[in-house]
Amino acid sequence: MIDVARGDAATNRMLRETLGFLRDQSEDEEFRRMVDDVLAGRAGLRDAITSPVFARVLDPLVRQGVEQYEAIPEEEKQRLVAEAEARLQRDQPE
């Protein structure tokens, strides 16, 4: 369980998928090793996200993501939020 998921299986799954995607897209070997450590439970996500390694890799991606998000029409943003909420609900255990 990733330490920031607070026991929520759906959140944990989404975090793991996102971290795996970021690791696979990155060419930064130090970042990839850090993500592997988090996913394997050898390191906590809280500690990793405050490291300079995470900042070096993620800061440019976050800036790019914000720019792309701001360019999305409001109706599309609402549709994407509804899809994400539906996925979270679907992934919640009974």
Protein backbone atom coordinates (compact mmCIF):
# COMPACT_ATOMS: atom_id res chain seq x y z
CA MET A 1 0.00 0.00 0.00
CA ILE A 2 1.40 3.37 -0.96
CA ASP A 3 1.61 5.45 2.21
CA VAL A 4 -0.55 8.36 1.01
CA ALA A 5 -3.49 6.15 -0.05
CA ARG A 6 -4.64 5.79 3.58
CA GLY A 7 -5.85 2.26 3.03
CA ASP A 8 -7.98 3.10 -0.01
CA ALA A 9 -7.44 0.32 -2.54
CA ALA A 10 -8.71 2.31 -5.54
CA THR A 11 -6.45 5.27 -4.73
CA ASN A 12 -3.53 2.91 -4.19
CA ARG A 13 -4.14 1.27 -7.57
CA MET A 14 -4.33 4.63 -9.35
CA LEU A 15 -1.14 5.84 -7.66
CA ARG A 16 0.70 2.65 -8.57
CA GLU A 17 -0.46 2.88 -12.20
CA THR A 18 0.53 6.54 -12.42
CA LEU A 19 3.94 5.96 -10.84
CA GLY A 20 4.56 3.03 -13.16
CA PHE A 21 3.62 5.14 -16.17
CA LEU A 22 5.91 7.98 -15.07
CA ARG A 23 8.76 5.53 -14.46
CA ASP A 24 8.31 3.94 -17.87
CA GLN A 25 8.26 7.34 -19.61
CA SER A 26 11.32 8.70 -17.83
CA GLU A 27 14.87 8.26 -19.06
CA ASP A 28 16.25 9.40 -15.68
CA GLU A 29 17.71 6.25 -14.10
CA GLU A 30 17.80 7.76 -10.60
CA PHE A 31 14.11 8.62 -10.84
CA ARG A 32 13.28 5.16 -12.18
CA ARG A 33 15.11 3.50 -9.26
CA MET A 34 13.32 5.75 -6.77
CA VAL A 35 9.92 4.88 -8.21
CA ASP A 36 10.83 1.18 -8.17
CA ASP A 37 11.70 1.54 -4.47
CA VAL A 38 8.35 3.19 -3.73
CA LEU A 39 6.42 0.56 -5.67
CA ALA A 40 8.32 -2.23 -3.91
CA GLY A 41 7.68 -0.71 -0.48
CA ARG A 42 11.35 0.03 0.19
CA ALA A 43 10.67 3.78 0.26
CA GLY A 44 7.67 5.95 1.04
CA LEU A 45 5.99 8.16 -1.52
CA ARG A 46 5.92 11.06 0.93
CA ASP A 47 9.70 11.02 1.15
CA ALA A 48 10.17 10.48 -2.56
CA ILE A 49 8.01 13.41 -3.66
CA THR A 50 10.06 15.83 -1.58
CA SER A 51 13.34 14.74 -3.13
CA PRO A 52 15.23 16.78 -5.71
CA VAL A 53 15.05 13.76 -8.02
CA PHE A 54 11.25 13.93 -8.18
CA ALA A 55 11.33 17.70 -8.65
CA ARG A 56 13.85 17.43 -11.48
CA VAL A 57 11.66 14.99 -13.40
CA LEU A 58 8.15 16.08 -12.45
CA ASP A 59 8.34 19.88 -12.38
CA PRO A 60 8.53 20.21 -16.18
CA LEU A 61 5.75 17.64 -16.58
CA VAL A 62 3.51 19.46 -14.12
CA ARG A 63 4.03 22.76 -15.92
CA GLN A 64 3.20 21.09 -19.23
CA GLY A 65 0.14 19.42 -17.71
CA VAL A 66 -1.18 22.70 -16.32
CA GLU A 67 -0.81 24.34 -19.72
CA GLN A 68 -2.64 21.47 -21.40
CA TYR A 69 -5.39 21.46 -18.75
CA GLU A 70 -5.96 25.19 -19.15
CA ALA A 71 -6.45 24.68 -22.89
CA ILE A 72 -9.25 22.11 -22.40
CA PRO A 73 -12.77 23.52 -22.82
CA GLU A 74 -14.81 23.59 -19.59
CA GLU A 75 -17.33 21.02 -20.86
CA GLU A 76 -14.52 18.56 -21.59
CA LYS A 77 -13.04 19.13 -18.11
CA GLN A 78 -16.41 18.29 -16.56
CA ARG A 79 -16.66 15.12 -18.67
CA LEU A 80 -13.17 14.02 -17.63
CA VAL A 81 -13.95 14.63 -13.94
CA ALA A 82 -17.15 12.59 -14.23
CA GLU A 83 -15.23 9.73 -15.87
CA ALA A 84 -12.58 9.77 -13.14
CA GLU A 85 -15.21 9.80 -10.38
CA ALA A 86 -17.04 6.91 -12.05
CA ARG A 87 -13.80 4.92 -12.24
CA LEU A 88 -13.06 5.53 -8.58
CA GLN A 89 -16.58 4.44 -7.64
CA ARG A 90 -16.32 1.35 -9.84
CA ASP A 91 -12.97 0.40 -8.29
CA GLN A 92 -14.18 0.76 -4.70
CA PRO A 93 -14.75 -2.54 -2.91
CA GLU A 94 -18.26 -3.20 -1.66
